[in-house]
Amino acid sequence: MINFNFNIKSIVLGIGIGIIITSLISIIYLAGNDTKNTITNEEIISRAAKLGMVKSSSIPEIKKVLPGYDLKEGDKE
C-alpha cells in the first residue's frame, strides 16, 4: 500500500504557482489580441445576407409553406 504524505503548504504553493503561470500566459495571449478589429451588427447582417441567410420576419407562416395547403382569402388569421 502506498502512503502519500501531502503537506498543505506544498499544495497551496503548487496552486499559487499554477495561477501565476496561467495568468502570465493569458496576459501574453491577450496582449496580441486587437480589440479594434471587432465587427458591428450591420457587418454581420450584410455578411449573412451575402451567404443567403434571411431574417426570421421575412419567413412566411408555417401554414403557407406546407405542401398541398391552399391559402384562401378567408383563411387568413
N, C-alpha and C. Protein backbone atom coordinates (compact mmCIF):
# COMPACT_ATOMS: atom_id res chain seq x y z
N MET A 1 0.84 -1.17 0.00
CA MET A 1 0.00 0.00 0.00
C MET A 1 0.89 1.23 0.00
N ILE A 2 0.52 2.19 -0.85
CA ILE A 2 1.32 3.41 -0.97
C ILE A 2 0.81 4.44 0.03
N ASN A 3 1.71 5.06 0.72
CA ASN A 3 1.36 6.06 1.72
C ASN A 3 1.74 7.43 1.17
N PHE A 4 0.75 8.29 0.98
CA PHE A 4 1.00 9.64 0.50
C PHE A 4 0.93 10.62 1.66
N ASN A 5 2.00 11.34 1.85
CA ASN A 5 2.02 12.39 2.87
C ASN A 5 2.06 13.73 2.18
N PHE A 6 0.91 14.36 2.10
CA PHE A 6 0.82 15.67 1.46
C PHE A 6 0.92 16.75 2.52
N ASN A 7 1.77 17.70 2.24
CA ASN A 7 1.89 18.84 3.12
C ASN A 7 1.00 19.94 2.55
N ILE A 8 0.17 20.55 3.38
CA ILE A 8 -0.78 21.56 2.92
C ILE A 8 -0.05 22.76 2.31
N LYS A 9 1.13 23.08 2.82
CA LYS A 9 1.89 24.20 2.27
C LYS A 9 2.34 23.91 0.83
N SER A 10 2.68 22.67 0.56
CA SER A 10 3.08 22.29 -0.80
C SER A 10 1.91 22.37 -1.77
N ILE A 11 0.74 21.99 -1.31
CA ILE A 11 -0.44 22.04 -2.16
C ILE A 11 -0.79 23.50 -2.47
N VAL A 12 -0.78 24.36 -1.46
CA VAL A 12 -1.10 25.78 -1.65
C VAL A 12 -0.04 26.43 -2.55
N LEU A 13 1.21 26.09 -2.37
CA LEU A 13 2.28 26.63 -3.20
C LEU A 13 2.10 26.19 -4.66
N GLY A 14 1.74 24.95 -4.88
CA GLY A 14 1.51 24.46 -6.24
C GLY A 14 0.33 25.14 -6.92
N ILE A 15 -0.74 25.33 -6.16
CA ILE A 15 -1.91 26.03 -6.71
C ILE A 15 -1.54 27.47 -7.04
N GLY A 16 -0.81 28.13 -6.16
CA GLY A 16 -0.41 29.52 -6.39
C GLY A 16 0.48 29.67 -7.61
N ILE A 17 1.44 28.77 -7.76
CA ILE A 17 2.32 28.81 -8.93
C ILE A 17 1.52 28.55 -10.20
N GLY A 18 0.56 27.64 -10.16
CA GLY A 18 -0.29 27.37 -11.31
C GLY A 18 -1.12 28.58 -11.71
N ILE A 19 -1.66 29.30 -10.72
CA ILE A 19 -2.44 30.50 -11.00
C ILE A 19 -1.57 31.57 -11.62
N ILE A 20 -0.38 31.75 -11.11
CA ILE A 20 0.54 32.77 -11.64
C ILE A 20 0.94 32.44 -13.07
N ILE A 21 1.28 31.19 -13.33
CA ILE A 21 1.68 30.80 -14.69
C ILE A 21 0.51 30.97 -15.66
N THR A 22 -0.68 30.58 -15.24
CA THR A 22 -1.86 30.72 -16.09
C THR A 22 -2.16 32.19 -16.39
N SER A 23 -2.05 33.05 -15.39
CA SER A 23 -2.32 34.47 -15.61
C SER A 23 -1.27 35.09 -16.52
N LEU A 24 -0.01 34.69 -16.39
CA LEU A 24 1.03 35.22 -17.27
C LEU A 24 0.80 34.78 -18.72
N ILE A 25 0.41 33.55 -18.90
CA ILE A 25 0.13 33.06 -20.26
C ILE A 25 -1.06 33.82 -20.86
N SER A 26 -2.10 34.05 -20.07
CA SER A 26 -3.26 34.76 -20.60
C SER A 26 -2.95 36.22 -20.89
N ILE A 27 -2.09 36.85 -20.09
CA ILE A 27 -1.69 38.24 -20.37
C ILE A 27 -0.92 38.30 -21.67
N ILE A 28 -0.02 37.37 -21.90
CA ILE A 28 0.76 37.34 -23.14
C ILE A 28 -0.15 37.08 -24.32
N TYR A 29 -1.11 36.17 -24.17
CA TYR A 29 -2.03 35.85 -25.25
C TYR A 29 -2.92 37.04 -25.59
N LEU A 30 -3.47 37.70 -24.57
CA LEU A 30 -4.39 38.81 -24.80
C LEU A 30 -3.68 40.08 -25.24
N ALA A 31 -2.39 40.17 -25.03
CA ALA A 31 -1.66 41.35 -25.47
C ALA A 31 -1.64 41.44 -26.99
N GLY A 32 -1.66 40.31 -27.67
CA GLY A 32 -1.66 40.30 -29.12
C GLY A 32 -3.06 40.41 -29.71
N ASN A 33 -4.08 40.37 -28.88
CA ASN A 33 -5.46 40.45 -29.35
C ASN A 33 -5.82 41.91 -29.60
N ASP A 34 -6.18 42.21 -30.84
CA ASP A 34 -6.52 43.58 -31.20
C ASP A 34 -8.03 43.76 -31.09
N THR A 35 -8.46 44.57 -30.13
CA THR A 35 -9.89 44.76 -29.91
C THR A 35 -10.50 45.73 -30.91
N LYS A 36 -9.69 46.41 -31.72
CA LYS A 36 -10.21 47.34 -32.70
C LYS A 36 -10.80 46.61 -33.91
N ASN A 37 -10.50 45.34 -34.07
CA ASN A 37 -10.96 44.59 -35.23
C ASN A 37 -12.29 43.89 -34.97
N THR A 38 -13.12 44.44 -34.09
CA THR A 38 -14.42 43.85 -33.86
C THR A 38 -15.37 44.31 -34.96
N ILE A 39 -16.33 43.45 -35.31
CA ILE A 39 -17.25 43.81 -36.38
C ILE A 39 -18.59 44.23 -35.77
N THR A 40 -19.28 45.09 -36.47
CA THR A 40 -20.55 45.61 -35.99
C THR A 40 -21.69 44.68 -36.39
N ASN A 41 -22.86 44.93 -35.83
CA ASN A 41 -24.03 44.12 -36.16
C ASN A 41 -24.41 44.28 -37.62
N GLU A 42 -24.24 45.48 -38.16
CA GLU A 42 -24.57 45.72 -39.56
C GLU A 42 -23.67 44.89 -40.48
N GLU A 43 -22.39 44.77 -40.13
CA GLU A 43 -21.48 43.95 -40.93
C GLU A 43 -21.86 42.48 -40.86
N ILE A 44 -22.28 42.03 -39.70
CA ILE A 44 -22.70 40.64 -39.55
C ILE A 44 -23.94 40.37 -40.40
N ILE A 45 -24.90 41.29 -40.38
CA ILE A 45 -26.13 41.12 -41.15
C ILE A 45 -25.83 41.12 -42.65
N SER A 46 -24.94 42.02 -43.09
CA SER A 46 -24.62 42.07 -44.52
C SER A 46 -23.87 40.81 -44.96
N ARG A 47 -22.98 40.30 -44.13
CA ARG A 47 -22.27 39.06 -44.48
C ARG A 47 -23.24 37.88 -44.52
N ALA A 48 -24.19 37.85 -43.58
CA ALA A 48 -25.18 36.76 -43.56
C ALA A 48 -26.07 36.83 -44.80
N ALA A 49 -26.43 38.03 -45.22
CA ALA A 49 -27.26 38.18 -46.42
C ALA A 49 -26.51 37.71 -47.66
N LYS A 50 -25.21 37.97 -47.72
CA LYS A 50 -24.41 37.50 -48.86
C LYS A 50 -24.34 35.98 -48.90
N LEU A 51 -24.43 35.34 -47.73
CA LEU A 51 -24.38 33.88 -47.66
C LEU A 51 -25.74 33.23 -47.87
N GLY A 52 -26.78 34.06 -48.03
CA GLY A 52 -28.10 33.53 -48.31
C GLY A 52 -29.01 33.40 -47.11
N MET A 53 -28.61 33.90 -45.98
CA MET A 53 -29.47 33.83 -44.80
C MET A 53 -30.53 34.93 -44.88
N VAL A 54 -31.69 34.65 -44.32
CA VAL A 54 -32.77 35.62 -44.31
C VAL A 54 -33.20 35.89 -42.88
N LYS A 55 -33.83 37.05 -42.68
CA LYS A 55 -34.34 37.38 -41.35
C LYS A 55 -35.59 36.56 -41.06
N SER A 56 -35.81 36.26 -39.82
CA SER A 56 -36.96 35.43 -39.45
C SER A 56 -38.27 36.14 -39.74
N SER A 57 -38.28 37.47 -39.78
CA SER A 57 -39.52 38.20 -40.07
C SER A 57 -39.93 38.06 -41.53
N SER A 58 -39.00 37.68 -42.40
CA SER A 58 -39.33 37.53 -43.82
C SER A 58 -39.76 36.11 -44.18
N ILE A 59 -39.75 35.20 -43.22
CA ILE A 59 -40.16 33.82 -43.47
C ILE A 59 -41.68 33.74 -43.32
N PRO A 60 -42.38 33.14 -44.27
CA PRO A 60 -43.84 33.05 -44.17
C PRO A 60 -44.28 32.12 -43.05
N GLU A 61 -45.53 32.21 -42.71
CA GLU A 61 -46.07 31.34 -41.67
C GLU A 61 -45.97 29.89 -42.09
N ILE A 62 -45.99 29.00 -41.13
CA ILE A 62 -45.82 27.58 -41.42
C ILE A 62 -46.96 27.04 -42.27
N LYS A 63 -48.17 27.58 -42.12
CA LYS A 63 -49.30 27.10 -42.90
C LYS A 63 -49.11 27.40 -44.38
N LYS A 64 -48.45 28.47 -44.69
CA LYS A 64 -48.30 28.89 -46.07
C LYS A 64 -47.26 28.06 -46.82
N VAL A 65 -46.36 27.43 -46.11
CA VAL A 65 -45.27 26.71 -46.77
C VAL A 65 -45.45 25.20 -46.76
N LEU A 66 -46.52 24.72 -46.15
CA LEU A 66 -46.75 23.28 -46.15
C LEU A 66 -47.19 22.82 -47.53
N PRO A 67 -46.67 21.73 -48.03
CA PRO A 67 -47.07 21.25 -49.35
C PRO A 67 -48.55 20.85 -49.36
N GLY A 68 -49.25 21.25 -50.41
CA GLY A 68 -50.65 20.87 -50.56
C GLY A 68 -51.61 21.76 -49.80
N TYR A 69 -51.11 22.79 -49.14
CA TYR A 69 -52.00 23.66 -48.38
C TYR A 69 -52.44 24.81 -49.27
N ASP A 70 -53.75 25.00 -49.40
CA ASP A 70 -54.28 26.09 -50.20
C ASP A 70 -54.70 27.22 -49.26
N LEU A 71 -54.09 28.37 -49.45
CA LEU A 71 -54.43 29.52 -48.64
C LEU A 71 -55.51 30.31 -49.38
N LYS A 72 -56.69 30.33 -48.78
CA LYS A 72 -57.81 31.05 -49.37
C LYS A 72 -57.93 32.41 -48.68
N GLU A 73 -58.66 33.27 -49.31
CA GLU A 73 -58.80 34.62 -48.76
C GLU A 73 -59.42 34.60 -47.36
N GLY A 74 -60.34 33.73 -47.10
CA GLY A 74 -61.00 33.68 -45.81
C GLY A 74 -60.18 32.97 -44.73
N ASP A 75 -59.11 32.29 -45.12
CA ASP A 75 -58.32 31.52 -44.17
C ASP A 75 -57.28 32.35 -43.44
N LYS A 76 -57.08 33.57 -43.84
CA LYS A 76 -56.05 34.39 -43.20
C LYS A 76 -56.45 34.67 -41.76
N GLU A 77 -55.49 34.55 -40.88
CA GLU A 77 -55.79 34.76 -39.46
C GLU A 77 -55.35 36.13 -39.03
